[in-house]
Amino acid sequence: MITCHLRYEIDPSQTAAFETYVTGWIPIVTRFGGTHHGCFLPHEGANDIAYALFSFPSLAAYEDYRAAIRHDPEAQQLWQLSKETRCIHRFDRTFLRPAMQPSGGVETS
């Protein structure tokens, strides 16, 4: 499994537009075989940082998703929204893998 962690720098005056944008990806990710773990908007502290996380079974499955969304009308509408409102200043994408406890648990002395 591979998890994509997105860190956004957003325009605080366009938080509502950004919320529409970021939550719009939830059904798209699901439709293309991913699991969306949620979107996280500023509440206290920095008012221009937001996050989203979603997973795919493999990096290859994520690449298939990336190829498919290039032609997806809903994805294109979301990109247009972000372009028109300029709600996103920039974003960073990091790929994570789960750290799992080995089977059998932790040995104690």
C-alpha atoms as a PDB file:
ATOM      1  CA  MET A   1       0.000   0.000   0.000  1.00  0.00           C
ATOM      2  CA  ILE A   2       1.127   3.551  -0.738  1.00  0.00           C
ATOM      3  CA  THR A   3      -0.362   6.635   0.929  1.00  0.00           C
ATOM      4  CA  CYS A   4      -0.218  10.046  -0.673  1.00  0.00           C
ATOM      5  CA  HIS A   5       0.076  12.899   1.835  1.00  0.00           C
ATOM      6  CA  LEU A   6      -0.745  16.294   0.363  1.00  0.00           C
ATOM      7  CA  ARG A   7       0.242  19.481   2.168  1.00  0.00           C
ATOM      8  CA  TYR A   8      -1.396  22.567   0.711  1.00  0.00           C
ATOM      9  CA  GLU A   9      -0.606  26.223   1.170  1.00  0.00           C
ATOM     10  CA  ILE A  10      -3.952  27.892   0.564  1.00  0.00           C
ATOM     11  CA  ASP A  11      -5.359  31.392   0.303  1.00  0.00           C
ATOM     12  CA  PRO A  12      -7.134  31.977   3.653  1.00  0.00           C
ATOM     13  CA  SER A  13      -9.676  34.199   1.904  1.00  0.00           C
ATOM     14  CA  GLN A  14     -10.601  31.256  -0.376  1.00  0.00           C
ATOM     15  CA  THR A  15     -11.034  28.539   2.254  1.00  0.00           C
ATOM     16  CA  ALA A  16     -14.612  27.777   1.137  1.00  0.00           C
ATOM     17  CA  ALA A  17     -13.483  27.302  -2.481  1.00  0.00           C
ATOM     18  CA  PHE A  18     -10.588  25.135  -1.332  1.00  0.00           C
ATOM     19  CA  GLU A  19     -12.931  23.000   0.784  1.00  0.00           C
ATOM     20  CA  THR A  20     -15.106  22.404  -2.288  1.00  0.00           C
ATOM     21  CA  TYR A  21     -11.983  21.520  -4.276  1.00  0.00           C
ATOM     22  CA  VAL A  22     -10.366  19.174  -1.771  1.00  0.00           C
ATOM     23  CA  THR A  23     -13.527  17.308  -0.752  1.00  0.00           C
ATOM     24  CA  GLY A  24     -14.436  16.927  -4.426  1.00  0.00           C
ATOM     25  CA  TRP A  25     -11.523  14.516  -4.770  1.00  0.00           C
ATOM     26  CA  ILE A  26     -12.947  12.047  -2.261  1.00  0.00           C
ATOM     27  CA  PRO A  27     -15.428  10.367  -4.650  1.00  0.00           C
ATOM     28  CA  ILE A  28     -12.933  10.536  -7.523  1.00  0.00           C
ATOM     29  CA  VAL A  29     -10.225   8.733  -5.554  1.00  0.00           C
ATOM     30  CA  THR A  30     -12.778   6.135  -4.438  1.00  0.00           C
ATOM     31  CA  ARG A  31     -14.104   5.659  -7.978  1.00  0.00           C
ATOM     32  CA  PHE A  32     -10.599   4.882  -9.225  1.00  0.00           C
ATOM     33  CA  GLY A  33      -9.858   2.286  -6.534  1.00  0.00           C
ATOM     34  CA  GLY A  34      -8.276   4.372  -3.785  1.00  0.00           C
ATOM     35  CA  THR A  35      -9.178   4.915  -0.159  1.00  0.00           C
ATOM     36  CA  HIS A  36      -9.510   8.529   0.943  1.00  0.00           C
ATOM     37  CA  HIS A  37      -8.534   9.190   4.553  1.00  0.00           C
ATOM     38  CA  GLY A  38      -9.858  12.716   4.745  1.00  0.00           C
ATOM     39  CA  CYS A  39      -9.157  16.368   4.234  1.00  0.00           C
ATOM     40  CA  PHE A  40      -7.987  18.593   7.038  1.00  0.00           C
ATOM     41  CA  LEU A  41      -8.563  22.355   6.962  1.00  0.00           C
ATOM     42  CA  PRO A  42      -7.024  25.046   9.149  1.00  0.00           C
ATOM     43  CA  HIS A  43      -8.733  25.522  12.489  1.00  0.00           C
ATOM     44  CA  GLU A  44      -6.230  26.953  14.941  1.00  0.00           C
ATOM     45  CA  GLY A  45      -2.659  27.968  14.270  1.00  0.00           C
ATOM     46  CA  ALA A  46      -1.573  28.625  10.686  1.00  0.00           C
ATOM     47  CA  ASN A  47      -4.573  29.641   8.594  1.00  0.00           C
ATOM     48  CA  ASP A  48      -2.995  28.783   5.252  1.00  0.00           C
ATOM     49  CA  ILE A  49      -2.032  25.108   5.656  1.00  0.00           C
ATOM     50  CA  ALA A  50      -4.317  22.166   4.829  1.00  0.00           C
ATOM     51  CA  TYR A  51      -3.805  18.432   4.307  1.00  0.00           C
ATOM     52  CA  ALA A  52      -5.321  15.460   2.501  1.00  0.00           C
ATOM     53  CA  LEU A  53      -4.400  11.767   2.612  1.00  0.00           C
ATOM     54  CA  PHE A  54      -5.407   8.892   0.397  1.00  0.00           C
ATOM     55  CA  SER A  55      -4.054   5.419  -0.351  1.00  0.00           C
ATOM     56  CA  PHE A  56      -3.814   3.044  -3.278  1.00  0.00           C
ATOM     57  CA  PRO A  57      -2.850  -0.631  -3.165  1.00  0.00           C
ATOM     58  CA  SER A  58       0.429   0.116  -4.982  1.00  0.00           C
ATOM     59  CA  LEU A  59       2.379   2.866  -6.699  1.00  0.00           C
ATOM     60  CA  ALA A  60       1.317   1.330 -10.030  1.00  0.00           C
ATOM     61  CA  ALA A  61      -2.365   1.679  -9.025  1.00  0.00           C
ATOM     62  CA  TYR A  62      -1.705   5.311  -8.073  1.00  0.00           C
ATOM     63  CA  GLU A  63      -0.086   5.913 -11.487  1.00  0.00           C
ATOM     64  CA  ASP A  64      -3.169   4.367 -13.176  1.00  0.00           C
ATOM     65  CA  TYR A  65      -5.337   6.800 -11.175  1.00  0.00           C
ATOM     66  CA  ARG A  66      -3.140   9.744 -12.257  1.00  0.00           C
ATOM     67  CA  ALA A  67      -3.504   8.732 -15.906  1.00  0.00           C
ATOM     68  CA  ALA A  68      -7.279   8.282 -15.610  1.00  0.00           C
ATOM     69  CA  ILE A  69      -7.993  11.627 -13.932  1.00  0.00           C
ATOM     70  CA  ARG A  70      -6.408  13.513 -16.831  1.00  0.00           C
ATOM     71  CA  HIS A  71      -9.541  12.648 -18.810  1.00  0.00           C
ATOM     72  CA  ASP A  72     -12.072  12.735 -15.978  1.00  0.00           C
ATOM     73  CA  PRO A  73     -14.663  15.555 -16.271  1.00  0.00           C
ATOM     74  CA  GLU A  74     -15.086  15.900 -12.486  1.00  0.00           C
ATOM     75  CA  ALA A  75     -11.327  16.185 -11.965  1.00  0.00           C
ATOM     76  CA  GLN A  76     -11.124  18.795 -14.723  1.00  0.00           C
ATOM     77  CA  GLN A  77     -13.882  20.821 -13.022  1.00  0.00           C
ATOM     78  CA  LEU A  78     -11.945  20.767  -9.744  1.00  0.00           C
ATOM     79  CA  TRP A  79      -8.739  21.906 -11.439  1.00  0.00           C
ATOM     80  CA  GLN A  80     -10.691  24.707 -13.107  1.00  0.00           C
ATOM     81  CA  LEU A  81     -12.148  25.766  -9.742  1.00  0.00           C
ATOM     82  CA  SER A  82      -8.678  25.962  -8.189  1.00  0.00           C
ATOM     83  CA  LYS A  83      -7.408  27.927 -11.184  1.00  0.00           C
ATOM     84  CA  GLU A  84     -10.305  30.409 -11.151  1.00  0.00           C
ATOM     85  CA  THR A  85     -10.297  31.009  -7.394  1.00  0.00           C
ATOM     86  CA  ARG A  86      -6.517  30.691  -6.886  1.00  0.00           C
ATOM     87  CA  CYS A  87      -7.362  28.947  -3.630  1.00  0.00           C
ATOM     88  CA  ILE A  88      -4.131  26.923  -3.755  1.00  0.00           C
ATOM     89  CA  HIS A  89      -0.804  28.734  -3.657  1.00  0.00           C
ATOM     90  CA  ARG A  90       1.238  25.541  -3.775  1.00  0.00           C
ATOM     91  CA  PHE A  91       1.216  21.924  -2.651  1.00  0.00           C
ATOM     92  CA  ASP A  92       3.685  19.193  -1.779  1.00  0.00           C
ATOM     93  CA  ARG A  93       3.040  15.527  -2.403  1.00  0.00           C
ATOM     94  CA  THR A  94       4.773  12.903  -0.246  1.00  0.00           C
ATOM     95  CA  PHE A  95       4.359   9.153  -0.550  1.00  0.00           C
ATOM     96  CA  LEU A  96       4.310   7.102   2.615  1.00  0.00           C
ATOM     97  CA  ARG A  97       4.243   3.403   3.394  1.00  0.00           C
ATOM     98  CA  PRO A  98       2.837   1.891   6.568  1.00  0.00           C
ATOM     99  CA  ALA A  99       5.188   0.641   9.237  1.00  0.00           C
ATOM    100  CA  MET A 100       3.672  -2.578  10.479  1.00  0.00           C
ATOM    101  CA  GLN A 101       4.538  -4.538  13.581  1.00  0.00           C
ATOM    102  CA  PRO A 102       5.993  -7.916  12.610  1.00  0.00           C
ATOM    103  CA  SER A 103       3.669 -10.854  13.165  1.00  0.00           C
ATOM    104  CA  GLY A 104       4.145 -12.356  16.566  1.00  0.00           C
ATOM    105  CA  GLY A 105       4.359  -8.985  18.295  1.00  0.00           C
ATOM    106  CA  VAL A 106       7.205  -7.554  20.294  1.00  0.00           C
ATOM    107  CA  GLU A 107       9.435  -9.931  22.219  1.00  0.00           C
ATOM    108  CA  THR A 108      10.123  -9.123  25.838  1.00  0.00           C
ATOM    109  CA  SER A 109      13.012 -10.384  27.955  1.00  0.00           C
END
